[in-house]
């Protein structure tokens, strides 16, 4: 299969692997020589590297995808166009291939405590079938990655957690986990699995029509194993667009079959990375390597919801002393949302000014198709972070008026069980 492998974990979801695979540093799979850069700047980085192909590479090309380097892979940035795909996902349902992301299993007696030694989240209280957003922190409380943790412990079985980490950081994450997890805890990289995300207000009805019974009694940040014919799936009701949706782990050699079945539904079209980025920006969701890095912490990044009451009281995670101090006293900078006037967008790296004084830097920015004007995320000094604060962004030698606004820019529409319809 195409992909980068550090393990030989089985993919049969009866369930996920019960024994950890030996994690090596070898990459296998089909590679192409290309340039790697981020989505918004796919041609300017001159560092030539060997790129990996997604399991569905041929499928994407057959759908007319334009492929670009991203996170070490050739990825589809668009099919019919970013704006059209963005709007389709807001109105209907879009299918995203996020197989570049790392899928891991952490297993063993004491796995929750082992993870809590590395993450600030309350993993011990995470019930089977529940999903939690968390952060991998360094010894100073800097953010090494953000990730999703799902409790997939079988009834009466050994503790087991399914982690989804960012594609650009997965090798570093695996090395970090190898170094700091206790010997009795096993780590498996599910290198033979793909990951698809079905997102949008019509995602649930399309998925239910394609796979009867899958969406029954299924709320936001919940997960279940599901077998449909020969497809063994792990499905969570989650995503990275601010819309209702599902993330579906499937065997890599069955990914095209699943994608074809979903795209046969009238509500569903394949969507590229470009629209995924504009959707997550409107949703106010940070992107690792841009809005998050080892130089940022959970407090300045405005992600303190990921540190629950018990962990705040007990500490015990990397950088706890510094992070808890920032929680008590406040961080000097804060990630904020900015609404710009006019039509010119501010991109990553643009300076933020209050009068003649530089007070921050843009980390993500672009035009919002939903709102009809540019938006951005930036880190600014806390004194300038209040909603309604007037600032200016310097773009191509010009000062653009901007105002600090609440995030998300576009309200989230996650499905919550029991909520009024």
Protein backbone atom coordinates (compact mmCIF):
# COMPACT_ATOMS: atom_id res chain seq x y z
CA UNK A 1 0.00 0.00 0.00
CA UNK A 2 1.02 3.60 -0.36
CA UNK A 3 1.95 5.22 2.88
CA UNK A 4 4.51 5.54 5.62
CA UNK A 5 4.71 2.63 8.03
CA UNK A 6 6.20 2.38 11.48
CA UNK A 7 4.38 -0.70 12.57
CA UNK A 8 2.51 -3.76 11.45
CA UNK A 9 -0.69 -3.36 13.44
CA UNK A 10 -3.60 -5.41 12.15
CA UNK A 11 -6.59 -3.47 10.91
CA UNK A 12 -9.38 -5.92 11.68
CA UNK A 13 -11.61 -4.00 14.09
CA UNK A 14 -12.74 -6.90 16.17
CA UNK A 15 -11.02 -4.80 17.23
CA UNK A 16 -8.04 -2.63 16.84
CA UNK A 17 -4.70 -4.41 17.41
CA UNK A 18 -4.38 -5.94 20.86
CA UNK A 19 -0.59 -6.07 20.78
CA UNK A 20 1.75 -3.20 20.05
CA UNK A 21 3.75 -3.27 16.87
CA UNK A 22 7.44 -2.57 17.01
CA UNK A 23 7.87 1.05 16.00
CA UNK A 24 10.72 1.67 13.59
CA UNK A 25 11.89 4.69 11.67
CA UNK A 26 11.49 3.14 8.26
CA UNK A 27 9.08 4.62 5.73
CA UNK A 28 7.60 2.37 3.08
CA UNK A 29 5.30 2.90 0.15
CA UNK A 30 5.14 4.64 -3.18
CA UNK A 31 7.06 7.95 -3.19
CA UNK A 32 7.33 10.83 -5.59
CA UNK A 33 9.96 13.58 -5.71
CA UNK A 34 8.21 16.91 -5.14
CA UNK A 35 8.43 20.07 -3.10
CA UNK A 36 6.74 20.17 0.30
CA UNK A 37 5.08 23.30 1.65
CA UNK A 38 1.80 24.28 3.22
CA UNK A 39 -1.54 24.42 1.43
CA UNK A 40 -1.47 28.13 0.79
CA UNK A 41 2.04 28.17 -0.64
CA UNK A 42 2.52 25.00 -2.64
CA UNK A 43 5.19 26.19 -5.05
CA UNK A 44 7.63 28.43 -3.21
CA UNK A 45 9.47 25.99 -0.95
CA UNK A 46 12.53 24.82 -2.84
CA UNK A 47 13.44 21.96 -0.49
CA UNK A 48 13.00 18.84 -2.62
CA UNK A 49 11.80 15.81 -0.66
CA UNK A 50 10.34 12.42 -1.40
CA UNK A 51 6.55 12.55 -1.08
CA UNK A 52 4.27 9.70 -0.14
CA UNK A 53 1.06 8.84 -1.97
CA UNK A 54 -2.25 8.38 -0.18
CA UNK A 55 -3.97 4.99 -0.44
CA UNK A 56 -6.63 6.72 -2.60
CA UNK A 57 -4.15 8.62 -4.78
CA UNK A 58 -5.43 7.10 -8.04
CA UNK A 59 -9.05 7.69 -6.98
CA UNK A 60 -8.40 11.39 -6.35
CA UNK A 61 -6.74 11.82 -9.73
CA UNK A 62 -9.64 10.05 -11.44
CA UNK A 63 -12.01 12.59 -9.82
CA UNK A 64 -9.97 15.42 -11.36
CA UNK A 65 -8.17 16.48 -8.18
CA UNK A 66 -5.31 18.95 -8.29
CA UNK A 67 -2.60 17.41 -6.11
CA UNK A 68 -0.12 19.40 -3.99
CA UNK A 69 2.50 18.60 -1.35
CA UNK A 70 1.26 18.68 2.24
CA UNK A 71 2.64 17.05 5.41
CA UNK A 72 4.90 14.77 3.38
CA UNK A 73 2.15 13.52 1.07
CA UNK A 74 0.65 14.42 -2.27
CA UNK A 75 -2.80 15.63 -1.28
CA UNK A 76 -5.86 16.85 -3.22
CA UNK A 77 -6.16 20.61 -2.72
CA UNK A 78 -9.27 20.96 -4.89
CA UNK A 79 -11.54 19.28 -7.43
CA UNK A 80 -13.98 21.75 -9.00
CA UNK A 81 -12.72 24.73 -6.99
CA UNK A 82 -12.15 25.78 -3.39
CA UNK A 83 -15.02 28.27 -3.17
CA UNK A 84 -17.57 25.86 -4.65
CA UNK A 85 -16.35 23.03 -2.42
CA UNK A 86 -16.48 25.24 0.67
CA UNK A 87 -20.08 26.20 -0.04
CA UNK A 88 -21.09 22.63 -0.89
CA UNK A 89 -19.83 21.46 2.50
CA UNK A 90 -21.69 24.27 4.29
CA UNK A 91 -24.93 23.36 2.47
CA UNK A 92 -24.67 19.60 1.93
CA UNK A 93 -21.87 17.11 2.72
CA UNK A 94 -18.23 16.91 1.70
CA UNK A 95 -15.90 13.91 1.79
CA UNK A 96 -12.32 14.66 2.82
CA UNK A 97 -9.36 12.27 2.66
CA UNK A 98 -7.27 12.82 5.79
CA UNK A 99 -5.31 9.58 5.59
CA UNK A 100 -2.05 11.49 6.07
CA UNK A 101 -2.91 11.78 9.76
CA UNK A 102 -1.47 9.30 12.22
CA UNK A 103 -3.72 6.65 13.75
CA UNK A 104 -2.30 5.06 16.88
CA UNK A 105 -3.35 2.60 19.58
CA UNK A 106 -2.06 2.93 23.14
CA UNK A 107 -2.89 -0.15 25.19
CA UNK A 108 -2.21 -1.80 28.52
CA UNK A 109 -3.14 -1.78 32.17
CA UNK A 110 -2.50 1.76 33.34
CA UNK A 111 -2.78 3.27 29.85
CA UNK A 112 -4.94 6.16 31.08
CA UNK A 113 -2.41 7.14 33.73
CA UNK A 114 0.41 6.80 31.21
CA UNK A 115 -1.36 9.15 28.81
CA UNK A 116 -2.18 11.61 31.58
CA UNK A 117 1.56 11.86 32.27
CA UNK A 118 1.90 13.31 28.73
CA UNK A 119 -1.44 15.07 28.17
CA UNK A 120 -3.31 17.63 30.32
CA UNK A 121 -6.70 16.02 29.71
CA UNK A 122 -8.75 13.83 32.05
CA UNK A 123 -8.22 10.50 30.29
CA UNK A 124 -9.19 8.42 33.33
CA UNK A 125 -12.74 9.79 33.19
CA UNK A 126 -13.10 9.20 29.44
CA UNK A 127 -15.69 6.44 29.05
CA UNK A 128 -15.58 3.77 26.33
CA UNK A 129 -17.01 5.16 23.10
CA UNK A 130 -16.21 8.77 24.02
CA UNK A 131 -13.78 11.12 22.25
CA UNK A 132 -11.72 13.94 23.76
CA UNK A 133 -9.56 16.69 22.28
CA UNK A 134 -6.17 16.98 23.95
CA UNK A 135 -2.65 18.36 23.64
CA UNK A 136 0.78 16.76 23.65
CA UNK A 137 2.99 19.07 25.72
CA UNK A 138 6.73 19.42 26.23
CA UNK A 139 8.46 19.98 29.57
CA UNK A 140 7.82 23.73 29.33
CA UNK A 141 4.14 23.37 28.48
CA UNK A 142 4.76 24.08 24.80
CA UNK A 143 2.38 22.37 22.38
CA UNK A 144 4.01 19.51 20.47
CA UNK A 145 0.73 18.51 18.81
CA UNK A 146 -3.02 18.56 19.24
CA UNK A 147 -4.85 15.28 18.93
CA UNK A 148 -8.05 13.32 19.47
CA UNK A 149 -8.22 10.52 22.06
CA UNK A 150 -10.96 7.87 21.95
CA UNK A 151 -11.52 5.19 24.57
CA UNK A 152 -11.92 1.94 22.62
CA UNK A 153 -11.52 -0.40 25.59
CA UNK A 154 -13.58 -3.56 24.99
CA UNK A 155 -16.00 -4.59 27.72
CA UNK A 156 -14.04 -6.45 30.36
CA UNK A 157 -10.82 -6.00 28.38
CA UNK A 158 -7.49 -4.26 28.71
CA UNK A 159 -7.49 -0.47 28.55
CA UNK A 160 -7.10 0.70 24.96
CA UNK A 161 -7.07 4.21 23.45
CA UNK A 162 -7.20 5.28 19.81
CA UNK A 163 -5.27 8.46 19.03
CA UNK A 164 -5.43 10.56 15.87
CA UNK A 165 -2.45 12.90 15.52
CA UNK A 166 -1.44 15.40 12.86
CA UNK A 167 0.25 14.09 9.74
CA UNK A 168 3.12 16.57 9.80
CA UNK A 169 4.04 15.63 13.37
CA UNK A 170 3.15 11.95 13.57
CA UNK A 171 6.73 10.66 13.38
CA UNK A 172 7.83 13.03 16.15
CA UNK A 173 4.74 12.07 18.17
CA UNK A 174 5.50 8.37 17.80
CA UNK A 175 9.11 8.91 18.88
CA UNK A 176 7.95 10.96 21.86
CA UNK A 177 5.43 8.34 22.92
CA UNK A 178 8.00 5.58 22.52
CA UNK A 179 10.39 7.43 24.78
CA UNK A 180 7.99 8.33 27.57
CA UNK A 181 5.32 5.62 27.70
CA UNK A 182 6.10 2.92 30.29
CA UNK A 183 7.44 -0.39 29.02
CA UNK A 184 4.22 -2.20 29.92
CA UNK A 185 2.19 0.07 27.62
CA UNK A 186 2.17 -0.90 23.95
CA UNK A 187 2.06 1.52 21.03
CA UNK A 188 0.76 0.51 17.60
CA UNK A 189 0.74 2.64 14.48
CA UNK A 190 -2.22 1.66 12.29
CA UNK A 191 -0.26 2.20 9.11
CA UNK A 192 -2.59 0.01 7.06
CA UNK A 193 -5.65 2.18 7.65
CA UNK A 194 -7.03 5.22 5.84
CA UNK A 195 -9.09 8.02 7.38
CA UNK A 196 -12.02 9.76 5.68
CA UNK A 197 -14.10 12.66 7.03
CA UNK A 198 -17.70 13.20 5.94
CA UNK A 199 -18.70 16.75 6.94
CA UNK A 200 -21.72 18.99 6.50
CA UNK A 201 -25.36 19.43 7.56
CA UNK A 202 -26.47 16.55 5.33
CA UNK A 203 -23.64 14.20 6.35
CA UNK A 204 -25.79 12.20 8.77
CA UNK A 205 -28.63 11.55 6.33
CA UNK A 206 -26.20 10.54 3.59
CA UNK A 207 -24.29 8.21 5.90
CA UNK A 208 -27.48 6.66 7.26
CA UNK A 209 -28.73 5.98 3.74
CA UNK A 210 -25.39 4.44 2.76
CA UNK A 211 -25.06 2.39 5.97
CA UNK A 212 -28.31 1.75 7.80
CA UNK A 213 -28.17 2.02 11.57
CA UNK A 214 -24.77 3.66 11.80
CA UNK A 215 -26.01 7.05 12.97
CA UNK A 216 -28.54 5.73 15.53
CA UNK A 217 -28.04 7.18 19.04
CA UNK A 218 -24.77 8.81 17.99
CA UNK A 219 -23.83 12.21 19.42
CA UNK A 220 -20.96 14.66 18.97
CA UNK A 221 -17.60 13.37 20.27
CA UNK A 222 -18.82 9.78 20.44
CA UNK A 223 -17.38 6.81 18.56
CA UNK A 224 -18.35 3.27 17.66
CA UNK A 225 -17.02 0.28 15.78
CA UNK A 226 -19.24 -0.70 12.87
CA UNK A 227 -19.12 -3.54 10.38
CA UNK A 228 -20.81 -3.07 7.03
CA UNK A 229 -20.35 -6.07 4.82
CA UNK A 230 -16.61 -6.59 4.61
CA UNK A 231 -15.84 -3.07 5.85
CA UNK A 232 -14.57 -2.89 9.44
CA UNK A 233 -14.90 0.73 10.50
CA UNK A 234 -14.18 2.94 13.48
CA UNK A 235 -16.49 5.95 13.24
CA UNK A 236 -16.50 9.07 15.41
CA UNK A 237 -18.95 11.97 15.23
CA UNK A 238 -16.36 14.72 14.99
CA UNK A 239 -14.47 16.78 12.45
CA UNK A 240 -12.49 19.88 11.56
CA UNK A 241 -15.02 22.07 9.77
CA UNK A 242 -17.40 23.28 12.47
CA UNK A 243 -20.19 21.29 10.81
CA UNK A 244 -21.82 18.07 11.93
CA UNK A 245 -19.91 15.14 10.56
CA UNK A 246 -18.07 11.87 10.96
CA UNK A 247 -14.49 10.65 10.77
CA UNK A 248 -14.21 7.10 9.51
CA UNK A 249 -11.18 4.83 9.88
CA UNK A 250 -11.13 2.07 7.27
CA UNK A 251 -8.61 -0.45 5.96
CA UNK A 252 -6.46 1.30 3.35
CA UNK A 253 -7.30 -1.23 0.66
CA UNK A 254 -11.03 -0.65 1.26
CA UNK A 255 -10.92 3.16 1.29
CA UNK A 256 -11.87 3.56 -2.37
CA UNK A 257 -14.84 1.24 -1.90
CA UNK A 258 -16.04 3.32 1.05
CA UNK A 259 -15.45 6.63 -0.76
CA UNK A 260 -17.33 5.42 -3.81
CA UNK A 261 -20.28 4.31 -1.72
CA UNK A 262 -20.47 7.65 0.10
CA UNK A 263 -20.03 9.75 -3.04
CA UNK A 264 -22.86 7.81 -4.68
CA UNK A 265 -25.20 9.70 -2.34
CA UNK A 266 -26.52 12.89 -3.93
CA UNK A 267 -25.54 15.02 -0.93
CA UNK A 268 -21.85 14.05 -1.08
CA UNK A 269 -18.95 15.35 -3.17
CA UNK A 270 -15.19 14.95 -2.68
CA UNK A 271 -13.64 18.06 -1.14
CA UNK A 272 -10.00 19.12 -1.09
CA UNK A 273 -7.57 20.59 1.42
CA UNK A 274 -8.22 24.14 0.28
CA UNK A 275 -11.84 24.12 1.43
CA UNK A 276 -10.89 22.18 4.56
CA UNK A 277 -8.58 25.05 5.49
CA UNK A 278 -11.13 27.80 4.83
CA UNK A 279 -13.81 25.86 6.73
CA UNK A 280 -11.62 25.28 9.79
CA UNK A 281 -10.57 28.95 9.75
CA UNK A 282 -14.22 30.07 9.81
CA UNK A 283 -14.75 27.59 12.65
CA UNK A 284 -11.90 29.19 14.61
CA UNK A 285 -10.01 25.89 14.82
CA UNK A 286 -6.21 26.12 15.08
CA UNK A 287 -3.86 24.38 12.65
CA UNK A 288 -0.73 22.82 14.10
CA UNK A 289 2.47 24.28 12.70
CA UNK A 290 0.72 27.59 12.09
CA UNK A 291 -1.51 28.55 15.04
CA UNK A 292 0.06 26.03 17.42
CA UNK A 293 3.72 25.16 18.02
CA UNK A 294 6.18 24.42 20.85
CA UNK A 295 6.38 28.20 21.32
CA UNK A 296 2.66 28.35 22.17
CA UNK A 297 0.97 27.02 25.30
CA UNK A 298 -2.64 26.02 26.10
CA UNK A 299 -3.38 29.33 27.81
CA UNK A 300 -2.09 31.70 25.13
CA UNK A 301 -3.66 29.43 22.48
CA UNK A 302 -7.05 29.80 24.21
CA UNK A 303 -7.35 26.03 24.61
CA UNK A 304 -7.77 25.89 28.38
CA UNK A 305 -10.96 23.84 27.95
CA UNK A 306 -8.58 20.92 27.29
CA UNK A 307 -7.41 21.07 30.93
CA UNK A 308 -10.25 19.97 33.20
CA UNK A 309 -10.79 20.79 36.86
CA UNK A 310 -9.07 17.68 38.24
CA UNK A 311 -5.93 18.13 36.15
CA UNK A 312 -5.77 21.80 37.13
CA UNK A 313 -5.85 20.77 40.78
CA UNK A 314 -3.48 17.80 40.52
CA UNK A 315 -1.11 18.81 37.72
CA UNK A 316 1.17 15.92 36.81
CA UNK A 317 1.47 16.69 33.08
CA UNK A 318 4.51 18.12 31.25
CA UNK A 319 4.98 21.82 31.92
CA UNK A 320 2.22 21.79 34.54
CA UNK A 321 3.91 24.33 36.80
CA UNK A 322 4.24 26.87 34.01
CA UNK A 323 0.82 26.19 32.45
CA UNK A 324 -1.01 26.34 35.78
CA UNK A 325 0.85 29.54 36.59
CA UNK A 326 -0.35 31.04 33.32
CA UNK A 327 -3.88 29.90 34.11
CA UNK A 328 -3.72 31.70 37.44
CA UNK A 329 -1.91 34.86 36.36
CA UNK A 330 -2.77 35.11 32.66
CA UNK A 331 -0.57 34.70 29.59
CA UNK A 332 1.20 37.68 28.01
CA UNK A 333 -0.30 36.88 24.59
CA UNK A 334 -3.55 35.36 23.37
CA UNK A 335 -4.85 33.78 20.17
CA UNK A 336 -7.68 35.97 18.88
CA UNK A 337 -9.99 36.26 15.90
CA UNK A 338 -9.78 39.28 13.62
CA UNK A 339 -12.36 40.58 11.14
CA UNK A 340 -10.79 42.70 8.39
CA UNK A 341 -12.35 45.50 6.42
CA UNK A 342 -12.18 45.50 2.62
CA UNK A 343 -11.30 42.53 0.41
CA UNK A 344 -7.56 42.07 0.92
CA UNK A 345 -6.67 39.07 3.10
CA UNK A 346 -3.85 38.94 5.62
CA UNK A 347 -1.78 35.77 5.56
CA UNK A 348 0.42 34.05 8.11
CA UNK A 349 3.27 36.27 9.24
CA UNK A 350 1.51 39.61 8.80
CA UNK A 351 2.30 42.03 11.63
CA UNK A 352 -0.47 43.35 13.87
CA UNK A 353 -0.29 46.97 15.08
CA UNK A 354 -1.98 49.18 17.64
CA UNK A 355 -1.06 52.60 16.35
CA UNK A 356 2.70 52.62 15.74
CA UNK A 357 3.34 49.68 18.07
CA UNK A 358 3.58 46.11 16.86
CA UNK A 359 1.40 44.02 19.16
CA UNK A 360 1.18 40.65 17.44
CA UNK A 361 1.44 38.39 14.40
CA UNK A 362 -1.10 36.67 12.17
CA UNK A 363 -0.88 32.87 12.20
CA UNK A 364 -3.76 32.01 9.82
CA UNK A 365 -5.79 34.16 7.48
CA UNK A 366 -7.89 34.19 4.37
CA UNK A 367 -11.15 35.25 2.78
CA UNK A 368 -14.30 33.91 4.44
CA UNK A 369 -16.76 32.73 1.77
CA UNK A 370 -19.55 32.52 4.34
CA UNK A 371 -19.06 36.01 5.79
CA UNK A 372 -17.95 37.73 2.59
CA UNK A 373 -14.86 39.41 4.05
CA UNK A 374 -11.34 38.44 5.19
CA UNK A 375 -10.72 36.92 8.62
CA UNK A 376 -7.60 35.93 10.50
CA UNK A 377 -6.25 34.41 13.67
CA UNK A 378 -3.35 36.10 15.44
CA UNK A 379 -1.43 36.12 18.68
CA UNK A 380 -1.54 39.57 20.24
CA UNK A 381 -0.54 41.01 23.59
CA UNK A 382 -3.33 40.29 26.05
CA UNK A 383 -3.88 44.01 26.63
CA UNK A 384 -5.09 44.22 23.01
CA UNK A 385 -7.16 41.00 22.97
CA UNK A 386 -10.57 42.25 24.13
CA UNK A 387 -13.46 41.85 21.69
CA UNK A 388 -14.05 45.08 19.82
CA UNK A 389 -10.43 46.24 19.97
CA UNK A 390 -9.44 48.11 16.79
CA UNK A 391 -6.10 47.05 15.30
CA UNK A 392 -4.29 47.22 11.96
CA UNK A 393 -2.59 44.51 9.92
CA UNK A 394 0.34 45.28 7.65
CA UNK A 395 -0.06 43.60 4.27
CA UNK A 396 2.16 44.46 1.30
CA UNK A 397 3.14 47.74 2.87
CA UNK A 398 -0.45 48.76 3.57
CA UNK A 399 -2.28 48.98 6.90
CA UNK A 400 -5.60 47.12 6.90
CA UNK A 401 -8.18 47.95 9.61
CA UNK A 402 -9.24 44.96 11.70
CA UNK A 403 -11.31 44.33 14.80
CA UNK A 404 -10.92 41.63 17.44
CA UNK A 405 -14.04 39.44 17.29
CA UNK A 406 -15.23 36.28 19.05
CA UNK A 407 -14.45 32.87 17.59
CA UNK A 408 -15.77 30.83 15.95
CA UNK A 409 -16.32 33.31 13.14
CA UNK A 410 -19.14 31.07 11.87
CA UNK A 411 -21.16 29.25 14.57
CA UNK A 412 -20.49 25.55 15.01
CA UNK A 413 -23.32 23.19 14.07
CA UNK A 414 -22.30 20.02 15.88
CA UNK A 415 -25.01 17.47 16.61
CA UNK A 416 -25.71 17.06 20.30
CA UNK A 417 -28.12 14.42 21.52
CA UNK A 418 -31.17 15.88 23.21
CA UNK A 419 -30.66 19.35 21.73
CA UNK A 420 -33.71 21.10 20.33
CA UNK A 421 -34.03 20.82 16.57
